[in-house]
Structures are given as structure tokens and as C-alpha cells.
Amino acid sequence: MLNYENVTTHQLKDGDVIQFYGCAFQLKNRKEWPMEAGDDPKLQGAVITFDTDLLVYTADGGMPHHWAQRWTVQGNKLAHWALLVDPSAC
């Protein structure tokens, strides 16, 4: 069984491994995008994006394989992710 913790996009860093739609992705190339006019920095914060390396693909998770191969993780403080506590368990 994989152990994970629920974190926001702002807590993620390069090298982290997340689980999403049954797949495991390693994050790389973190980039922060500036907020748009009207965004609330205390609530939303800037948008963060990551390129990914696909580590584990699970067809029954619902994500097409060709999407998983080129997946981009994106979100602000409102988005939450399943961060794997022990990525070596993949």
C-alpha cells in the first residue's frame, strides 16, 4: 500500500512523486507564473507548473496513456495533490 499526504501545489518541489488518476509522476522543472489582476494572493497565490516523468501507468485510473506520457501538473494554493511519502515504493 502506498502512503501519501495531501499537499497543495505550492508545497510541491522538483523530485517529488505524486499519484494522480492511478499513475505516479515525478515532478521536474518547477515554474511559477505571476498572478492575474484580481487574484487574491492570500487565497489563490501564483500558479505553479511542473513537467513530469511518468513512473507508473495504471490503465484503470482513467487517464489515456498518451496523456500520461506528457502530463503537466498545474495549480495554485487551492489545488491538492497526493504526494507519495516513500516514492521508492512505486
PDB file of N, CA and C in Angstrom:
ATOM      1  N   MET A   1       0.840  -1.183   0.000  1.00  0.00           N
ATOM      2  CA  MET A   1       0.000   0.000   0.000  1.00  0.00           C
ATOM      3  C   MET A   1       0.879   1.237   0.000  1.00  0.00           C
ATOM      4  N   LEU A   2       0.540   2.184  -0.868  1.00  0.00           N
ATOM      5  CA  LEU A   2       1.302   3.420  -0.947  1.00  0.00           C
ATOM      6  C   LEU A   2       0.797   4.415   0.090  1.00  0.00           C
ATOM      7  N   ASN A   3       1.724   5.063   0.756  1.00  0.00           N
ATOM      8  CA  ASN A   3       1.373   6.105   1.717  1.00  0.00           C
ATOM      9  C   ASN A   3       1.571   7.455   1.053  1.00  0.00           C
ATOM     10  N   TYR A   4       0.624   8.329   1.253  1.00  0.00           N
ATOM     11  CA  TYR A   4       0.747   9.657   0.684  1.00  0.00           C
ATOM     12  C   TYR A   4       0.174  10.684   1.640  1.00  0.00           C
ATOM     13  N   GLU A   5       0.556  11.945   1.421  1.00  0.00           N
ATOM     14  CA  GLU A   5      -0.029  13.035   2.182  1.00  0.00           C
ATOM     15  C   GLU A   5      -0.643  14.026   1.211  1.00  0.00           C
ATOM     16  N   ASN A   6      -1.678  14.686   1.635  1.00  0.00           N
ATOM     17  CA  ASN A   6      -2.396  15.654   0.834  1.00  0.00           C
ATOM     18  C   ASN A   6      -1.701  17.011   0.959  1.00  0.00           C
ATOM     19  N   VAL A   7      -1.192  17.550  -0.167  1.00  0.00           N
ATOM     20  CA  VAL A   7      -0.480  18.828  -0.145  1.00  0.00           C
ATOM     21  C   VAL A   7      -1.022  19.737  -1.249  1.00  0.00           C
ATOM     22  N   THR A   8      -0.769  21.035  -1.124  1.00  0.00           N
ATOM     23  CA  THR A   8      -1.143  21.974  -2.182  1.00  0.00           C
ATOM     24  C   THR A   8      -0.021  22.054  -3.213  1.00  0.00           C
ATOM     25  N   THR A   9      -0.346  22.604  -4.353  1.00  0.00           N
ATOM     26  CA  THR A   9       0.647  22.763  -5.415  1.00  0.00           C
ATOM     27  C   THR A   9       1.854  23.560  -4.926  1.00  0.00           C
ATOM     28  N   HIS A  10       1.630  24.548  -4.086  1.00  0.00           N
ATOM     29  CA  HIS A  10       2.720  25.396  -3.594  1.00  0.00           C
ATOM     30  C   HIS A  10       3.710  24.631  -2.716  1.00  0.00           C
ATOM     31  N   GLN A  11       3.301  23.496  -2.166  1.00  0.00           N
ATOM     32  CA  GLN A  11       4.188  22.697  -1.321  1.00  0.00           C
ATOM     33  C   GLN A  11       5.045  21.721  -2.137  1.00  0.00           C
ATOM     34  N   LEU A  12       4.707  21.508  -3.395  1.00  0.00           N
ATOM     35  CA  LEU A  12       5.446  20.560  -4.232  1.00  0.00           C
ATOM     36  C   LEU A  12       6.776  21.143  -4.674  1.00  0.00           C
ATOM     37  N   LYS A  13       7.744  20.250  -4.904  1.00  0.00           N
ATOM     38  CA  LYS A  13       9.075  20.683  -5.368  1.00  0.00           C
ATOM     39  C   LYS A  13       9.602  19.679  -6.387  1.00  0.00           C
ATOM     40  N   ASP A  14      10.605  20.096  -7.126  1.00  0.00           N
ATOM     41  CA  ASP A  14      11.240  19.201  -8.093  1.00  0.00           C
ATOM     42  C   ASP A  14      11.689  17.918  -7.395  1.00  0.00           C
ATOM     43  N   GLY A  15      11.443  16.793  -8.045  1.00  0.00           N
ATOM     44  CA  GLY A  15      11.833  15.498  -7.495  1.00  0.00           C
ATOM     45  C   GLY A  15      10.729  14.785  -6.739  1.00  0.00           C
ATOM     46  N   ASP A  16       9.690  15.530  -6.306  1.00  0.00           N
ATOM     47  CA  ASP A  16       8.573  14.894  -5.624  1.00  0.00           C
ATOM     48  C   ASP A  16       7.861  13.931  -6.571  1.00  0.00           C
ATOM     49  N   VAL A  17       7.199  12.922  -5.999  1.00  0.00           N
ATOM     50  CA  VAL A  17       6.402  11.977  -6.773  1.00  0.00           C
ATOM     51  C   VAL A  17       4.966  12.077  -6.277  1.00  0.00           C
ATOM     52  N   ILE A  18       4.057  12.304  -7.223  1.00  0.00           N
ATOM     53  CA  ILE A  18       2.642  12.385  -6.876  1.00  0.00           C
ATOM     54  C   ILE A  18       1.876  11.256  -7.554  1.00  0.00           C
ATOM     55  N   GLN A  19       0.738  10.929  -6.970  1.00  0.00           N
ATOM     56  CA  GLN A  19      -0.176   9.958  -7.562  1.00  0.00           C
ATOM     57  C   GLN A  19      -1.379  10.731  -8.075  1.00  0.00           C
ATOM     58  N   PHE A  20      -1.781  10.451  -9.336  1.00  0.00           N
ATOM     59  CA  PHE A  20      -2.891  11.157  -9.956  1.00  0.00           C
ATOM     60  C   PHE A  20      -3.536  10.230 -10.970  1.00  0.00           C
ATOM     61  N   TYR A  21      -4.837  10.004 -10.848  1.00  0.00           N
ATOM     62  CA  TYR A  21      -5.566   9.073 -11.728  1.00  0.00           C
ATOM     63  C   TYR A  21      -4.896   7.710 -11.797  1.00  0.00           C
ATOM     64  N   GLY A  22      -4.383   7.238 -10.683  1.00  0.00           N
ATOM     65  CA  GLY A  22      -3.774   5.921 -10.623  1.00  0.00           C
ATOM     66  C   GLY A  22      -2.348   5.852 -11.137  1.00  0.00           C
ATOM     67  N   CYS A  23      -1.830   6.955 -11.678  1.00  0.00           N
ATOM     68  CA  CYS A  23      -0.459   6.999 -12.203  1.00  0.00           C
ATOM     69  C   CYS A  23       0.460   7.661 -11.183  1.00  0.00           C
ATOM     70  N   ALA A  24       1.749   7.391 -11.297  1.00  0.00           N
ATOM     71  CA  ALA A  24       2.747   8.058 -10.457  1.00  0.00           C
ATOM     72  C   ALA A  24       3.630   8.901 -11.372  1.00  0.00           C
ATOM     73  N   PHE A  25       3.802  10.165 -10.997  1.00  0.00           N
ATOM     74  CA  PHE A  25       4.590  11.107 -11.779  1.00  0.00           C
ATOM     75  C   PHE A  25       5.678  11.724 -10.908  1.00  0.00           C
ATOM     76  N   GLN A  26       6.885  11.812 -11.450  1.00  0.00           N
ATOM     77  CA  GLN A  26       7.951  12.551 -10.769  1.00  0.00           C
ATOM     78  C   GLN A  26       7.979  13.954 -11.358  1.00  0.00           C
ATOM     79  N   LEU A  27       8.034  14.941 -10.474  1.00  0.00           N
ATOM     80  CA  LEU A  27       7.954  16.335 -10.888  1.00  0.00           C
ATOM     81  C   LEU A  27       9.327  16.904 -11.208  1.00  0.00           C
ATOM     82  N   LYS A  28       9.366  17.782 -12.224  1.00  0.00           N
ATOM     83  CA  LYS A  28      10.617  18.450 -12.596  1.00  0.00           C
ATOM     84  C   LYS A  28      10.291  19.799 -13.234  1.00  0.00           C
ATOM     85  N   ASN A  29      11.273  20.660 -13.270  1.00  0.00           N
ATOM     86  CA  ASN A  29      11.165  21.962 -13.944  1.00  0.00           C
ATOM     87  C   ASN A  29      10.043  22.838 -13.386  1.00  0.00           C
ATOM     88  N   ARG A  30      10.029  23.004 -12.057  1.00  0.00           N
ATOM     89  CA  ARG A  30       9.011  23.854 -11.419  1.00  0.00           C
ATOM     90  C   ARG A  30       9.102  25.273 -11.973  1.00  0.00           C
ATOM     91  N   LYS A  31       7.945  25.826 -12.295  1.00  0.00           N
ATOM     92  CA  LYS A  31       7.890  27.204 -12.778  1.00  0.00           C
ATOM     93  C   LYS A  31       6.720  27.906 -12.108  1.00  0.00           C
ATOM     94  N   GLU A  32       6.968  29.132 -11.663  1.00  0.00           N
ATOM     95  CA  GLU A  32       5.916  29.922 -11.033  1.00  0.00           C
ATOM     96  C   GLU A  32       5.462  30.998 -12.011  1.00  0.00           C
ATOM     97  N   TRP A  33       4.145  31.067 -12.200  1.00  0.00           N
ATOM     98  CA  TRP A  33       3.547  32.039 -13.101  1.00  0.00           C
ATOM     99  C   TRP A  33       2.910  33.145 -12.277  1.00  0.00           C
ATOM    100  N   PRO A  34       3.070  34.398 -12.685  1.00  0.00           N
ATOM    101  CA  PRO A  34       2.526  35.508 -11.894  1.00  0.00           C
ATOM    102  C   PRO A  34       1.007  35.473 -11.830  1.00  0.00           C
ATOM    103  N   MET A  35       0.484  36.060 -10.777  1.00  0.00           N
ATOM    104  CA  MET A  35      -0.967  36.136 -10.610  1.00  0.00           C
ATOM    105  C   MET A  35      -1.551  37.128 -11.607  1.00  0.00           C
ATOM    106  N   GLU A  36      -2.804  36.912 -11.936  1.00  0.00           N
ATOM    107  CA  GLU A  36      -3.545  37.825 -12.810  1.00  0.00           C
ATOM    108  C   GLU A  36      -4.163  38.925 -11.955  1.00  0.00           C
ATOM    109  N   ALA A  37      -4.488  40.038 -12.580  1.00  0.00           N
ATOM    110  CA  ALA A  37      -5.164  41.128 -11.872  1.00  0.00           C
ATOM    111  C   ALA A  37      -6.447  40.586 -11.241  1.00  0.00           C
ATOM    112  N   GLY A  38      -6.653  40.911  -9.979  1.00  0.00           N
ATOM    113  CA  GLY A  38      -7.846  40.467  -9.276  1.00  0.00           C
ATOM    114  C   GLY A  38      -7.668  39.195  -8.471  1.00  0.00           C
ATOM    115  N   ASP A  39      -6.573  38.451  -8.691  1.00  0.00           N
ATOM    116  CA  ASP A  39      -6.321  37.250  -7.897  1.00  0.00           C
ATOM    117  C   ASP A  39      -5.989  37.644  -6.463  1.00  0.00           C
ATOM    118  N   ASP A  40      -6.430  36.868  -5.514  1.00  0.00           N
ATOM    119  CA  ASP A  40      -6.172  37.116  -4.101  1.00  0.00           C
ATOM    120  C   ASP A  40      -4.952  36.307  -3.665  1.00  0.00           C
ATOM    121  N   PRO A  41      -3.803  36.965  -3.403  1.00  0.00           N
ATOM    122  CA  PRO A  41      -2.592  36.218  -3.047  1.00  0.00           C
ATOM    123  C   PRO A  41      -2.724  35.394  -1.774  1.00  0.00           C
ATOM    124  N   LYS A  42      -3.597  35.797  -0.864  1.00  0.00           N
ATOM    125  CA  LYS A  42      -3.776  35.030   0.376  1.00  0.00           C
ATOM    126  C   LYS A  42      -4.593  33.765   0.133  1.00  0.00           C
ATOM    127  N   LEU A  43      -5.431  33.788  -0.892  1.00  0.00           N
ATOM    128  CA  LEU A  43      -6.292  32.644  -1.167  1.00  0.00           C
ATOM    129  C   LEU A  43      -5.701  31.751  -2.258  1.00  0.00           C
ATOM    130  N   GLN A  44      -5.431  32.337  -3.415  1.00  0.00           N
ATOM    131  CA  GLN A  44      -5.033  31.543  -4.568  1.00  0.00           C
ATOM    132  C   GLN A  44      -3.523  31.428  -4.727  1.00  0.00           C
ATOM    133  N   GLY A  45      -2.836  32.537  -4.658  1.00  0.00           N
ATOM    134  CA  GLY A  45      -1.410  32.555  -4.925  1.00  0.00           C
ATOM    135  C   GLY A  45      -1.133  32.336  -6.403  1.00  0.00           C
ATOM    136  N   ALA A  46       0.128  32.371  -6.751  1.00  0.00           N
ATOM    137  CA  ALA A  46       0.548  32.185  -8.135  1.00  0.00           C
ATOM    138  C   ALA A  46       0.266  30.760  -8.598  1.00  0.00           C
ATOM    139  N   VAL A  47       0.204  30.577  -9.903  1.00  0.00           N
ATOM    140  CA  VAL A  47       0.071  29.246 -10.478  1.00  0.00           C
ATOM    141  C   VAL A  47       1.458  28.629 -10.592  1.00  0.00           C
ATOM    142  N   ILE A  48       1.576  27.373 -10.208  1.00  0.00           N
ATOM    143  CA  ILE A  48       2.817  26.618 -10.300  1.00  0.00           C
ATOM    144  C   ILE A  48       2.617  25.517 -11.341  1.00  0.00           C
ATOM    145  N   THR A  49       3.612  25.311 -12.200  1.00  0.00           N
ATOM    146  CA  THR A  49       3.552  24.197 -13.156  1.00  0.00           C
ATOM    147  C   THR A  49       4.800  23.340 -13.023  1.00  0.00           C
ATOM    148  N   PHE A  50       4.647  22.075 -13.366  1.00  0.00           N
ATOM    149  CA  PHE A  50       5.753  21.114 -13.399  1.00  0.00           C
ATOM    150  C   PHE A  50       5.642  20.284 -14.666  1.00  0.00           C
ATOM    151  N   ASP A  51       6.769  19.993 -15.279  1.00  0.00           N
ATOM    152  CA  ASP A  51       6.836  18.908 -16.244  1.00  0.00           C
ATOM    153  C   ASP A  51       6.895  17.623 -15.420  1.00  0.00           C
ATOM    154  N   THR A  52       6.614  16.492 -16.049  1.00  0.00           N
ATOM    155  CA  THR A  52       6.618  15.238 -15.296  1.00  0.00           C
ATOM    156  C   THR A  52       7.320  14.129 -16.060  1.00  0.00           C
ATOM    157  N   ASP A  53       7.799  13.168 -15.304  1.00  0.00           N
ATOM    158  CA  ASP A  53       8.248  11.886 -15.840  1.00  0.00           C
ATOM    159  C   ASP A  53       7.258  10.852 -15.326  1.00  0.00           C
ATOM    160  N   LEU A  54       6.697  10.067 -16.230  1.00  0.00           N
ATOM    161  CA  LEU A  54       5.752   9.022 -15.869  1.00  0.00           C
ATOM    162  C   LEU A  54       6.521   7.840 -15.287  1.00  0.00           C
ATOM    163  N   LEU A  55       6.244   7.500 -14.031  1.00  0.00           N
ATOM    164  CA  LEU A  55       6.913   6.385 -13.370  1.00  0.00           C
ATOM    165  C   LEU A  55       6.062   5.116 -13.394  1.00  0.00           C
ATOM    166  N   VAL A  56       4.757   5.272 -13.180  1.00  0.00           N
ATOM    167  CA  VAL A  56       3.832   4.133 -13.145  1.00  0.00           C
ATOM    168  C   VAL A  56       2.570   4.533 -13.891  1.00  0.00           C
ATOM    169  N   TYR A  57       2.173   3.697 -14.837  1.00  0.00           N
ATOM    170  CA  TYR A  57       0.920   3.930 -15.555  1.00  0.00           C
ATOM    171  C   TYR A  57      -0.080   2.844 -15.176  1.00  0.00           C
ATOM    172  N   THR A  58      -1.292   3.259 -14.826  1.00  0.00           N
ATOM    173  CA  THR A  58      -2.362   2.336 -14.496  1.00  0.00           C
ATOM    174  C   THR A  58      -3.542   2.633 -15.412  1.00  0.00           C
ATOM    175  N   ALA A  59      -3.827   1.748 -16.317  1.00  0.00           N
ATOM    176  CA  ALA A  59      -4.888   1.964 -17.307  1.00  0.00           C
ATOM    177  C   ALA A  59      -6.254   2.135 -16.666  1.00  0.00           C
ATOM    178  N   ASP A  60      -6.514   1.453 -15.546  1.00  0.00           N
ATOM    179  CA  ASP A  60      -7.835   1.548 -14.932  1.00  0.00           C
ATOM    180  C   ASP A  60      -8.040   2.845 -14.157  1.00  0.00           C
ATOM    181  N   GLY A  61      -7.028   3.702 -14.111  1.00  0.00           N
ATOM    182  CA  GLY A  61      -7.164   5.002 -13.453  1.00  0.00           C
ATOM    183  C   GLY A  61      -7.942   6.012 -14.274  1.00  0.00           C
ATOM    184  N   GLY A  62      -8.109   5.722 -15.567  1.00  0.00           N
ATOM    185  CA  GLY A  62      -8.933   6.586 -16.392  1.00  0.00           C
ATOM    186  C   GLY A  62      -8.184   7.571 -17.271  1.00  0.00           C
ATOM    187  N   MET A  63      -6.874   7.685 -17.110  1.00  0.00           N
ATOM    188  CA  MET A  63      -6.106   8.617 -17.931  1.00  0.00           C
ATOM    189  C   MET A  63      -5.542   7.875 -19.146  1.00  0.00           C
ATOM    190  N   PRO A  64      -5.789   8.388 -20.355  1.00  0.00           N
ATOM    191  CA  PRO A  64      -5.193   7.747 -21.528  1.00  0.00           C
ATOM    192  C   PRO A  64      -3.662   7.759 -21.452  1.00  0.00           C
ATOM    193  N   HIS A  65      -3.047   6.693 -21.921  1.00  0.00           N
ATOM    194  CA  HIS A  65      -1.589   6.564 -21.829  1.00  0.00           C
ATOM    195  C   HIS A  65      -0.867   7.724 -22.508  1.00  0.00           C
ATOM    196  N   HIS A  66      -1.336   8.170 -23.671  1.00  0.00           N
ATOM    197  CA  HIS A  66      -0.650   9.254 -24.368  1.00  0.00           C
ATOM    198  C   HIS A  66      -0.738  10.577 -23.597  1.00  0.00           C
ATOM    199  N   TRP A  67      -1.761  10.775 -22.774  1.00  0.00           N
ATOM    200  CA  TRP A  67      -1.813  11.950 -21.911  1.00  0.00           C
ATOM    201  C   TRP A  67      -0.775  11.818 -20.797  1.00  0.00           C
ATOM    202  N   ALA A  68      -0.731  10.648 -20.189  1.00  0.00           N
ATOM    203  CA  ALA A  68       0.174  10.425 -19.055  1.00  0.00           C
ATOM    204  C   ALA A  68       1.635  10.621 -19.450  1.00  0.00           C
ATOM    205  N   GLN A  69       1.975  10.287 -20.679  1.00  0.00           N
ATOM    206  CA  GLN A  69       3.362  10.415 -21.128  1.00  0.00           C
ATOM    207  C   GLN A  69       3.816  11.871 -21.205  1.00  0.00           C
ATOM    208  N   ARG A  70       2.874  12.792 -21.347  1.00  0.00           N
ATOM    209  CA  ARG A  70       3.231  14.206 -21.488  1.00  0.00           C
ATOM    210  C   ARG A  70       2.462  15.080 -20.503  1.00  0.00           C
ATOM    211  N   TRP A  71       2.177  14.568 -19.332  1.00  0.00           N
ATOM    212  CA  TRP A  71       1.344  15.270 -18.373  1.00  0.00           C
ATOM    213  C   TRP A  71       2.067  16.478 -17.795  1.00  0.00           C
ATOM    214  N   THR A  72       1.330  17.587 -17.631  1.00  0.00           N
ATOM    215  CA  THR A  72       1.827  18.782 -16.957  1.00  0.00           C
ATOM    216  C   THR A  72       0.979  18.993 -15.717  1.00  0.00           C
ATOM    217  N   VAL A  73       1.630  19.112 -14.581  1.00  0.00           N
ATOM    218  CA  VAL A  73       0.934  19.388 -13.333  1.00  0.00           C
ATOM    219  C   VAL A  73       0.848  20.900 -13.187  1.00  0.00           C
ATOM    220  N   GLN A  74      -0.336  21.388 -12.862  1.00  0.00           N
ATOM    221  CA  GLN A  74      -0.504  22.820 -12.665  1.00  0.00           C
ATOM    222  C   GLN A  74      -1.524  23.078 -11.577  1.00  0.00           C
ATOM    223  N   GLY A  75      -1.365  24.183 -10.875  1.00  0.00           N
ATOM    224  CA  GLY A  75      -2.343  24.549  -9.866  1.00  0.00           C
ATOM    225  C   GLY A  75      -1.852  25.696  -9.006  1.00  0.00           C
ATOM    226  N   ASN A  76      -2.752  26.224  -8.201  1.00  0.00           N
ATOM    227  CA  ASN A  76      -2.399  27.258  -7.241  1.00  0.00           C
ATOM    228  C   ASN A  76      -2.587  26.690  -5.830  1.00  0.00           C
ATOM    229  N   LYS A  77      -2.746  27.549  -4.854  1.00  0.00           N
ATOM    230  CA  LYS A  77      -2.896  27.070  -3.474  1.00  0.00           C
ATOM    231  C   LYS A  77      -4.184  26.282  -3.244  1.00  0.00           C
ATOM    232  N   LEU A  78      -5.139  26.409  -4.159  1.00  0.00           N
ATOM    233  CA  LEU A  78      -6.413  25.717  -3.993  1.00  0.00           C
ATOM    234  C   LEU A  78      -6.368  24.274  -4.471  1.00  0.00           C
ATOM    235  N   ALA A  79      -5.402  23.935  -5.313  1.00  0.00           N
ATOM    236  CA  ALA A  79      -5.285  22.569  -5.834  1.00  0.00           C
ATOM    237  C   ALA A  79      -4.538  21.688  -4.835  1.00  0.00           C
ATOM    238  N   HIS A  80      -4.993  20.447  -4.690  1.00  0.00           N
ATOM    239  CA  HIS A  80      -4.368  19.492  -3.773  1.00  0.00           C
ATOM    240  C   HIS A  80      -3.921  18.251  -4.526  1.00  0.00           C
ATOM    241  N   TRP A  81      -2.831  17.654  -4.023  1.00  0.00           N
ATOM    242  CA  TRP A  81      -2.208  16.512  -4.696  1.00  0.00           C
ATOM    243  C   TRP A  81      -1.851  15.448  -3.669  1.00  0.00           C
ATOM    244  N   ALA A  82      -1.801  14.216  -4.145  1.00  0.00           N
ATOM    245  CA  ALA A  82      -1.395  13.083  -3.309  1.00  0.00           C
ATOM    246  C   ALA A  82       0.112  12.903  -3.468  1.00  0.00           C
ATOM    247  N   LEU A  83       0.893  13.429  -2.531  1.00  0.00           N
ATOM    248  CA  LEU A  83       2.343  13.338  -2.534  1.00  0.00           C
ATOM    249  C   LEU A  83       2.745  12.024  -1.902  1.00  0.00           C
ATOM    250  N   LEU A  84       3.469  11.196  -2.648  1.00  0.00           N
ATOM    251  CA  LEU A  84       3.906   9.903  -2.113  1.00  0.00           C
ATOM    252  C   LEU A  84       4.985  10.117  -1.059  1.00  0.00           C
ATOM    253  N   VAL A  85       4.785   9.539   0.112  1.00  0.00           N
ATOM    254  CA  VAL A  85       5.729   9.676   1.214  1.00  0.00           C
ATOM    255  C   VAL A  85       6.992   8.878   0.949  1.00  0.00           C
ATOM    256  N   ASP A  86       6.856   7.696   0.361  1.00  0.00           N
ATOM    257  CA  ASP A  86       8.002   6.844   0.030  1.00  0.00           C
ATOM    258  C   ASP A  86       7.959   6.503  -1.452  1.00  0.00           C
ATOM    259  N   PRO A  87       8.521   7.372  -2.328  1.00  0.00           N
ATOM    260  CA  PRO A  87       8.458   7.139  -3.760  1.00  0.00           C
ATOM    261  C   PRO A  87       9.113   5.845  -4.209  1.00  0.00           C
ATOM    262  N   SER A  88      10.027   5.283  -3.420  1.00  0.00           N
ATOM    263  CA  SER A  88      10.686   4.043  -3.811  1.00  0.00           C
ATOM    264  C   SER A  88       9.694   2.864  -3.808  1.00  0.00           C
ATOM    265  N   ALA A  89       8.528   3.051  -3.195  1.00  0.00           N
ATOM    266  CA  ALA A  89       7.506   2.001  -3.156  1.00  0.00           C
ATOM    267  C   ALA A  89       6.799   1.833  -4.497  1.00  0.00           C
ATOM    268  N   CYS A  90       7.045   2.767  -5.421  1.00  0.00           N
ATOM    269  CA  CYS A  90       6.417   2.668  -6.752  1.00  0.00           C
ATOM    270  C   CYS A  90       6.986   1.468  -7.427  1.00  0.00           C
TER     271      CYS A  90
END
